[in-house]
N, C-alpha and C. Protein backbone atom coordinates (compact mmCIF):
# COMPACT_ATOMS: atom_id res chain seq x y z
N MET A 1 0.82 -1.17 0.00
CA MET A 1 0.02 0.01 -0.01
C MET A 1 0.87 1.22 0.00
N VAL A 2 0.57 2.19 -0.81
CA VAL A 2 1.31 3.45 -0.92
C VAL A 2 0.75 4.41 0.12
N ALA A 3 1.66 5.09 0.84
CA ALA A 3 1.26 6.04 1.85
C ALA A 3 0.56 7.22 1.15
N PRO A 4 -0.48 7.75 1.79
CA PRO A 4 -1.17 8.87 1.19
C PRO A 4 -0.27 10.13 1.14
N LYS A 5 -0.49 10.93 0.10
CA LYS A 5 0.24 12.20 0.01
C LYS A 5 -0.53 13.22 0.85
N LEU A 6 0.21 13.83 1.78
CA LEU A 6 -0.43 14.82 2.66
C LEU A 6 -0.35 16.19 1.98
N ALA A 7 -1.40 16.97 2.11
CA ALA A 7 -1.43 18.32 1.61
C ALA A 7 -1.47 19.25 2.79
N PRO A 8 -0.32 19.56 3.38
CA PRO A 8 -0.30 20.39 4.59
C PRO A 8 -0.93 21.77 4.42
N LEU A 9 -1.68 22.19 5.40
CA LEU A 9 -2.22 23.52 5.41
C LEU A 9 -1.37 24.40 6.37
N GLY A 10 -1.43 25.65 6.26
CA GLY A 10 -0.64 26.54 7.10
C GLY A 10 -1.02 26.43 8.57
N ILE A 11 -0.04 26.61 9.45
CA ILE A 11 -0.24 26.65 10.90
C ILE A 11 -0.46 28.10 11.29
N SER A 12 -1.62 28.37 11.90
CA SER A 12 -1.94 29.76 12.28
C SER A 12 -1.63 29.95 13.77
N ASP A 13 -1.73 31.23 14.19
CA ASP A 13 -1.58 31.55 15.61
C ASP A 13 -2.64 30.85 16.43
N GLU A 14 -3.85 30.72 15.85
CA GLU A 14 -4.94 29.99 16.48
C GLU A 14 -4.58 28.53 16.71
N ASP A 15 -3.89 27.95 15.73
CA ASP A 15 -3.41 26.55 15.85
C ASP A 15 -2.36 26.43 16.95
N ARG A 16 -1.42 27.37 16.96
CA ARG A 16 -0.42 27.33 18.02
C ARG A 16 -1.03 27.46 19.43
N ALA A 17 -2.08 28.29 19.54
CA ALA A 17 -2.80 28.42 20.80
C ALA A 17 -3.50 27.09 21.16
N LEU A 18 -4.01 26.40 20.17
CA LEU A 18 -4.66 25.09 20.41
C LEU A 18 -3.63 24.10 20.96
N VAL A 19 -2.48 24.05 20.35
CA VAL A 19 -1.39 23.20 20.83
C VAL A 19 -1.02 23.52 22.26
N ALA A 20 -0.92 24.83 22.52
CA ALA A 20 -0.61 25.25 23.90
C ALA A 20 -1.66 24.82 24.88
N GLU A 21 -2.92 24.83 24.49
CA GLU A 21 -4.00 24.34 25.42
C GLU A 21 -3.85 22.86 25.67
N ALA A 22 -3.49 22.12 24.64
CA ALA A 22 -3.27 20.68 24.88
C ALA A 22 -2.10 20.43 25.80
N TYR A 23 -1.01 21.17 25.59
CA TYR A 23 0.15 21.03 26.48
C TYR A 23 -0.24 21.37 27.92
N GLU A 24 -1.00 22.42 28.11
CA GLU A 24 -1.43 22.81 29.46
C GLU A 24 -2.32 21.75 30.11
N GLU A 25 -3.16 21.13 29.33
CA GLU A 25 -3.99 20.03 29.85
C GLU A 25 -3.09 18.90 30.34
N LEU A 26 -2.07 18.54 29.56
CA LEU A 26 -1.19 17.48 29.94
C LEU A 26 -0.40 17.87 31.21
N ARG A 27 0.16 19.08 31.25
CA ARG A 27 0.89 19.54 32.42
C ARG A 27 -0.02 19.50 33.68
N SER A 28 -1.22 19.88 33.53
CA SER A 28 -2.15 20.04 34.69
C SER A 28 -2.70 18.74 35.21
N TYR A 29 -2.91 17.74 34.36
CA TYR A 29 -3.67 16.59 34.75
C TYR A 29 -2.97 15.25 34.58
N PHE A 30 -1.70 15.27 34.13
CA PHE A 30 -0.95 14.03 33.96
C PHE A 30 -0.88 13.26 35.28
N VAL A 31 -1.16 11.97 35.22
CA VAL A 31 -0.96 11.07 36.35
C VAL A 31 -0.26 9.85 35.83
N GLU A 32 0.94 9.57 36.35
CA GLU A 32 1.71 8.39 35.89
C GLU A 32 0.87 7.15 35.90
N GLY A 33 0.85 6.43 34.79
CA GLY A 33 0.14 5.19 34.72
C GLY A 33 -1.33 5.31 34.33
N TRP A 34 -1.89 6.53 34.32
CA TRP A 34 -3.32 6.71 34.06
C TRP A 34 -3.62 7.69 32.92
N HIS A 35 -2.91 8.78 32.87
CA HIS A 35 -3.23 9.79 31.84
C HIS A 35 -1.97 10.18 31.12
N HIS A 36 -1.79 9.74 29.89
CA HIS A 36 -0.53 9.96 29.19
C HIS A 36 -0.69 10.85 27.95
N VAL A 37 -1.87 11.04 27.50
CA VAL A 37 -2.13 11.83 26.28
C VAL A 37 -3.20 12.87 26.58
N ALA A 38 -3.02 14.09 26.12
CA ALA A 38 -4.01 15.13 26.21
C ALA A 38 -4.37 15.60 24.84
N ALA A 39 -5.59 16.09 24.65
CA ALA A 39 -6.05 16.55 23.39
C ALA A 39 -6.77 17.88 23.55
N ALA A 40 -6.70 18.73 22.52
CA ALA A 40 -7.49 19.96 22.48
C ALA A 40 -8.22 19.96 21.14
N LEU A 41 -9.49 20.20 21.17
CA LEU A 41 -10.35 20.21 20.00
C LEU A 41 -11.04 21.60 19.89
N ARG A 42 -10.78 22.25 18.75
CA ARG A 42 -11.39 23.54 18.47
C ARG A 42 -12.63 23.34 17.59
N MET A 43 -13.68 23.96 18.00
CA MET A 43 -14.92 23.92 17.20
C MET A 43 -14.92 25.11 16.25
N ARG A 44 -15.76 25.09 15.22
CA ARG A 44 -15.80 26.18 14.27
C ARG A 44 -16.19 27.49 14.93
N SER A 45 -16.89 27.45 16.04
CA SER A 45 -17.25 28.64 16.79
C SER A 45 -16.03 29.28 17.45
N GLY A 46 -14.94 28.53 17.56
CA GLY A 46 -13.74 29.03 18.23
C GLY A 46 -13.61 28.40 19.63
N ARG A 47 -14.67 27.83 20.15
CA ARG A 47 -14.63 27.19 21.49
C ARG A 47 -13.62 26.05 21.45
N VAL A 48 -12.83 25.89 22.51
CA VAL A 48 -11.86 24.83 22.64
C VAL A 48 -12.26 23.89 23.80
N VAL A 49 -12.21 22.60 23.53
CA VAL A 49 -12.49 21.56 24.55
C VAL A 49 -11.21 20.78 24.72
N THR A 50 -10.79 20.54 25.95
CA THR A 50 -9.58 19.75 26.21
C THR A 50 -9.98 18.52 26.99
N ALA A 51 -9.10 17.49 26.93
CA ALA A 51 -9.40 16.22 27.58
C ALA A 51 -8.11 15.43 27.79
N MET A 52 -8.12 14.53 28.75
CA MET A 52 -7.03 13.60 28.98
C MET A 52 -7.49 12.18 28.60
N HIS A 53 -6.59 11.37 28.21
CA HIS A 53 -6.95 10.00 27.86
C HIS A 53 -7.13 9.25 29.21
N LEU A 54 -7.90 8.22 29.19
CA LEU A 54 -8.15 7.39 30.36
C LEU A 54 -7.55 6.03 30.19
N GLU A 55 -6.54 5.72 30.96
CA GLU A 55 -5.93 4.35 30.93
C GLU A 55 -6.80 3.44 31.80
N ALA A 56 -6.68 2.17 31.57
CA ALA A 56 -7.44 1.17 32.33
C ALA A 56 -6.56 -0.02 32.59
N THR A 57 -6.85 -0.73 33.67
CA THR A 57 -6.11 -1.94 33.97
C THR A 57 -6.19 -2.94 32.81
N VAL A 58 -7.37 -3.00 32.22
CA VAL A 58 -7.57 -3.83 31.02
C VAL A 58 -7.41 -2.84 29.84
N GLY A 59 -6.29 -2.91 29.16
CA GLY A 59 -5.97 -1.93 28.14
C GLY A 59 -7.01 -1.69 27.06
N ARG A 60 -7.76 -2.70 26.69
CA ARG A 60 -8.66 -2.52 25.60
C ARG A 60 -9.86 -1.65 25.98
N VAL A 61 -10.02 -1.32 27.26
CA VAL A 61 -11.13 -0.42 27.64
C VAL A 61 -10.58 1.01 27.87
N ALA A 62 -9.33 1.26 27.62
CA ALA A 62 -8.80 2.64 27.71
C ALA A 62 -9.50 3.51 26.68
N VAL A 63 -9.61 4.78 26.96
CA VAL A 63 -10.29 5.70 26.07
C VAL A 63 -9.35 6.84 25.70
N CYS A 64 -9.21 7.09 24.41
CA CYS A 64 -8.29 8.11 23.93
C CYS A 64 -8.80 9.52 24.27
N ALA A 65 -7.81 10.42 24.47
CA ALA A 65 -8.13 11.83 24.78
C ALA A 65 -8.95 12.46 23.66
N GLU A 66 -8.67 12.13 22.41
CA GLU A 66 -9.44 12.71 21.33
C GLU A 66 -10.91 12.31 21.40
N ALA A 67 -11.22 11.07 21.76
CA ALA A 67 -12.58 10.61 21.88
C ALA A 67 -13.32 11.32 23.04
N ILE A 68 -12.59 11.51 24.12
CA ILE A 68 -13.20 12.21 25.28
C ILE A 68 -13.45 13.67 24.94
N ALA A 69 -12.55 14.34 24.29
CA ALA A 69 -12.74 15.72 23.86
C ALA A 69 -13.94 15.79 22.93
N LEU A 70 -14.05 14.87 22.00
CA LEU A 70 -15.18 14.86 21.07
C LEU A 70 -16.50 14.72 21.84
N GLY A 71 -16.58 13.80 22.78
CA GLY A 71 -17.78 13.63 23.57
C GLY A 71 -18.17 14.88 24.32
N LYS A 72 -17.16 15.52 24.92
CA LYS A 72 -17.44 16.76 25.65
C LYS A 72 -17.95 17.85 24.72
N ALA A 73 -17.32 17.94 23.55
CA ALA A 73 -17.72 19.00 22.61
C ALA A 73 -19.11 18.82 22.04
N LEU A 74 -19.51 17.57 21.77
CA LEU A 74 -20.78 17.29 21.15
C LEU A 74 -21.97 17.59 22.04
N ARG A 75 -21.76 17.80 23.34
CA ARG A 75 -22.83 18.19 24.22
C ARG A 75 -23.43 19.49 23.79
N ASP A 76 -22.57 20.38 23.25
CA ASP A 76 -23.04 21.74 22.97
C ASP A 76 -23.06 22.13 21.49
N GLU A 77 -22.23 21.52 20.70
CA GLU A 77 -22.18 21.89 19.25
C GLU A 77 -21.58 20.75 18.44
N ARG A 78 -21.79 20.85 17.14
CA ARG A 78 -21.42 19.71 16.27
C ARG A 78 -20.36 20.07 15.23
N ASP A 79 -20.02 21.31 15.06
CA ASP A 79 -19.13 21.71 13.97
C ASP A 79 -17.68 21.66 14.38
N LEU A 80 -17.02 20.53 14.09
CA LEU A 80 -15.62 20.35 14.47
C LEU A 80 -14.72 21.13 13.49
N ASP A 81 -13.62 21.65 14.05
CA ASP A 81 -12.66 22.33 13.18
C ASP A 81 -11.32 21.60 13.19
N THR A 82 -10.55 21.72 14.31
CA THR A 82 -9.20 21.15 14.36
C THR A 82 -8.94 20.52 15.72
N ILE A 83 -8.16 19.41 15.67
CA ILE A 83 -7.80 18.69 16.90
C ILE A 83 -6.32 18.44 16.92
N VAL A 84 -5.74 18.39 18.13
CA VAL A 84 -4.37 18.05 18.31
C VAL A 84 -4.25 17.21 19.58
N ALA A 85 -3.27 16.29 19.57
CA ALA A 85 -3.01 15.48 20.76
C ALA A 85 -1.52 15.60 21.07
N VAL A 86 -1.20 15.56 22.39
CA VAL A 86 0.18 15.70 22.81
C VAL A 86 0.51 14.67 23.89
N HIS A 87 1.78 14.41 24.09
CA HIS A 87 2.25 13.47 25.12
C HIS A 87 3.63 13.85 25.54
N TYR A 88 4.08 13.31 26.71
CA TYR A 88 5.44 13.52 27.10
C TYR A 88 6.31 12.57 26.23
N THR A 89 7.42 13.13 25.79
CA THR A 89 8.31 12.30 24.89
C THR A 89 9.47 11.67 25.65
N ASP A 90 9.55 11.90 26.96
CA ASP A 90 10.59 11.33 27.77
C ASP A 90 10.05 10.92 29.16
N ASP A 91 10.74 10.03 29.78
CA ASP A 91 10.32 9.53 31.11
C ASP A 91 10.42 10.56 32.22
N SER A 92 11.25 11.58 32.00
CA SER A 92 11.40 12.61 33.06
C SER A 92 10.31 13.67 32.96
N ARG A 93 9.48 13.56 31.98
CA ARG A 93 8.34 14.48 31.75
C ARG A 93 8.83 15.95 31.63
N THR A 94 9.88 16.12 30.89
CA THR A 94 10.42 17.46 30.68
C THR A 94 10.13 17.95 29.25
N THR A 95 9.88 17.01 28.33
CA THR A 95 9.65 17.35 26.96
C THR A 95 8.30 16.80 26.49
N MET A 96 7.55 17.67 25.83
CA MET A 96 6.26 17.24 25.26
C MET A 96 6.35 17.34 23.72
N GLY A 97 5.52 16.55 23.08
CA GLY A 97 5.47 16.61 21.64
C GLY A 97 4.09 16.22 21.16
N LEU A 98 3.91 16.46 19.88
CA LEU A 98 2.63 16.08 19.26
C LEU A 98 2.59 14.60 18.99
N ILE A 99 1.40 14.06 18.92
CA ILE A 99 1.24 12.65 18.60
C ILE A 99 0.05 12.55 17.64
N ALA A 100 0.20 11.80 16.58
CA ALA A 100 -0.90 11.59 15.62
C ALA A 100 -1.99 10.73 16.25
N PRO A 101 -3.23 10.94 15.89
CA PRO A 101 -4.32 10.14 16.43
C PRO A 101 -4.23 8.69 15.94
N CYS A 102 -4.71 7.78 16.77
CA CYS A 102 -4.73 6.36 16.40
C CYS A 102 -5.80 6.18 15.32
N GLY A 103 -5.79 5.00 14.72
CA GLY A 103 -6.75 4.69 13.68
C GLY A 103 -8.19 4.81 14.13
N MET A 104 -8.51 4.36 15.34
CA MET A 104 -9.89 4.44 15.83
C MET A 104 -10.33 5.89 15.96
N CYS A 105 -9.45 6.74 16.48
CA CYS A 105 -9.80 8.15 16.61
C CYS A 105 -9.98 8.81 15.24
N ARG A 106 -9.13 8.43 14.30
CA ARG A 106 -9.30 8.98 12.94
C ARG A 106 -10.64 8.61 12.39
N GLU A 107 -11.08 7.40 12.55
CA GLU A 107 -12.40 6.94 12.09
C GLU A 107 -13.51 7.73 12.82
N LEU A 108 -13.40 7.76 14.14
CA LEU A 108 -14.43 8.38 14.96
C LEU A 108 -14.58 9.86 14.62
N LEU A 109 -13.49 10.57 14.59
CA LEU A 109 -13.55 12.01 14.30
C LEU A 109 -14.10 12.31 12.90
N THR A 110 -13.76 11.53 11.94
CA THR A 110 -14.29 11.79 10.61
C THR A 110 -15.76 11.36 10.48
N ASP A 111 -16.19 10.48 11.33
CA ASP A 111 -17.64 10.15 11.37
C ASP A 111 -18.44 11.39 11.80
N TYR A 112 -17.87 12.18 12.70
CA TYR A 112 -18.57 13.34 13.23
C TYR A 112 -18.18 14.64 12.53
N GLY A 113 -17.10 14.65 11.83
CA GLY A 113 -16.69 15.86 11.10
C GLY A 113 -15.91 15.48 9.85
N ASN A 114 -16.60 15.34 8.78
CA ASN A 114 -16.00 14.87 7.53
C ASN A 114 -14.83 15.75 7.11
N ASP A 115 -14.84 17.01 7.52
CA ASP A 115 -13.76 17.91 7.08
C ASP A 115 -12.88 18.37 8.25
N VAL A 116 -12.88 17.58 9.35
CA VAL A 116 -12.03 17.94 10.52
C VAL A 116 -10.58 17.95 10.14
N LEU A 117 -9.85 18.91 10.73
CA LEU A 117 -8.41 19.04 10.50
C LEU A 117 -7.67 18.51 11.70
N VAL A 118 -6.42 18.13 11.56
CA VAL A 118 -5.62 17.60 12.63
C VAL A 118 -4.17 18.13 12.51
N ILE A 119 -3.61 18.52 13.66
CA ILE A 119 -2.24 18.94 13.72
C ILE A 119 -1.40 17.78 14.19
N ILE A 120 -0.41 17.42 13.35
CA ILE A 120 0.40 16.24 13.65
C ILE A 120 1.89 16.57 13.51
N PRO A 121 2.75 15.73 14.07
CA PRO A 121 4.21 15.95 13.89
C PRO A 121 4.65 15.54 12.51
N LYS A 122 5.61 16.25 11.99
CA LYS A 122 6.25 15.89 10.73
C LYS A 122 7.70 16.26 10.87
N GLY A 123 8.52 15.25 11.20
CA GLY A 123 9.91 15.53 11.56
C GLY A 123 9.94 16.35 12.85
N ASP A 124 10.70 17.45 12.80
CA ASP A 124 10.74 18.34 13.95
C ASP A 124 9.69 19.45 13.91
N ALA A 125 8.85 19.44 12.90
CA ALA A 125 7.85 20.47 12.73
C ALA A 125 6.46 19.91 12.99
N MET A 126 5.48 20.82 12.92
CA MET A 126 4.09 20.38 13.00
C MET A 126 3.41 20.83 11.71
N ILE A 127 2.49 19.97 11.25
CA ILE A 127 1.71 20.31 10.09
C ILE A 127 0.24 20.10 10.42
N LYS A 128 -0.61 20.75 9.64
CA LYS A 128 -2.06 20.59 9.78
C LYS A 128 -2.58 19.99 8.45
N VAL A 129 -3.33 18.90 8.57
CA VAL A 129 -3.86 18.25 7.37
C VAL A 129 -5.31 17.87 7.63
N ARG A 130 -5.98 17.49 6.58
CA ARG A 130 -7.35 16.96 6.69
C ARG A 130 -7.23 15.59 7.31
N MET A 131 -8.09 15.28 8.28
CA MET A 131 -8.05 13.96 8.91
C MET A 131 -8.28 12.88 7.84
N LEU A 132 -9.16 13.13 6.89
CA LEU A 132 -9.43 12.12 5.86
C LEU A 132 -8.15 11.80 5.07
N ASP A 133 -7.19 12.70 5.01
CA ASP A 133 -5.93 12.39 4.32
C ASP A 133 -5.14 11.33 5.05
N LEU A 134 -5.44 11.15 6.35
CA LEU A 134 -4.75 10.13 7.11
C LEU A 134 -5.44 8.77 7.03
N ILE A 135 -6.64 8.72 6.45
CA ILE A 135 -7.33 7.43 6.30
C ILE A 135 -7.96 7.38 4.90
N PRO A 136 -7.10 7.20 3.88
CA PRO A 136 -7.61 7.20 2.53
C PRO A 136 -8.60 6.04 2.30
N GLU A 137 -9.50 6.26 1.40
CA GLU A 137 -10.50 5.24 1.05
C GLU A 137 -11.37 4.86 2.23
N LYS A 138 -11.67 5.79 3.10
CA LYS A 138 -12.54 5.56 4.26
C LYS A 138 -13.92 5.13 3.74
N TYR A 139 -14.46 4.14 4.38
CA TYR A 139 -15.84 3.73 4.07
C TYR A 139 -16.78 4.77 4.65
N GLY A 140 -18.03 4.75 4.19
CA GLY A 140 -19.03 5.69 4.77
C GLY A 140 -18.89 7.03 4.13
N LYS A 141 -18.80 8.08 5.00
CA LYS A 141 -18.76 9.49 4.53
C LYS A 141 -17.47 9.74 3.77
N HIS A 142 -17.62 10.57 2.72
CA HIS A 142 -16.43 11.03 1.97
C HIS A 142 -16.59 12.51 1.69
């Protein structure tokens, strides 16, 4: 299978602020062994929802931060804009970095926002792309 070609969009000051909110969520609520990923989801209205991932003793019942942010956001509005997830990149918890959403989150987010954007790492930089570019040939909505 050939990897999809990504068409990066520009990173705005609004996007940088979204990343900063995700970093702040991680700094504020990280608990070793329980919460390792934080996400920030911006709605088209500009409202931002943040969330932490929930780890579980039985790993398959863990819930991703992106899914929790989506659930929180959908209580009030449906128009998704951009999401980002972050994690600590070292055991000393001194460095944070972006992390791309897992396959399940990619599917879930595009089910609720066909044109949702995502900020992901690309080398030492960050890029913003359409979530659908990360899951080519998605069944269902296109």
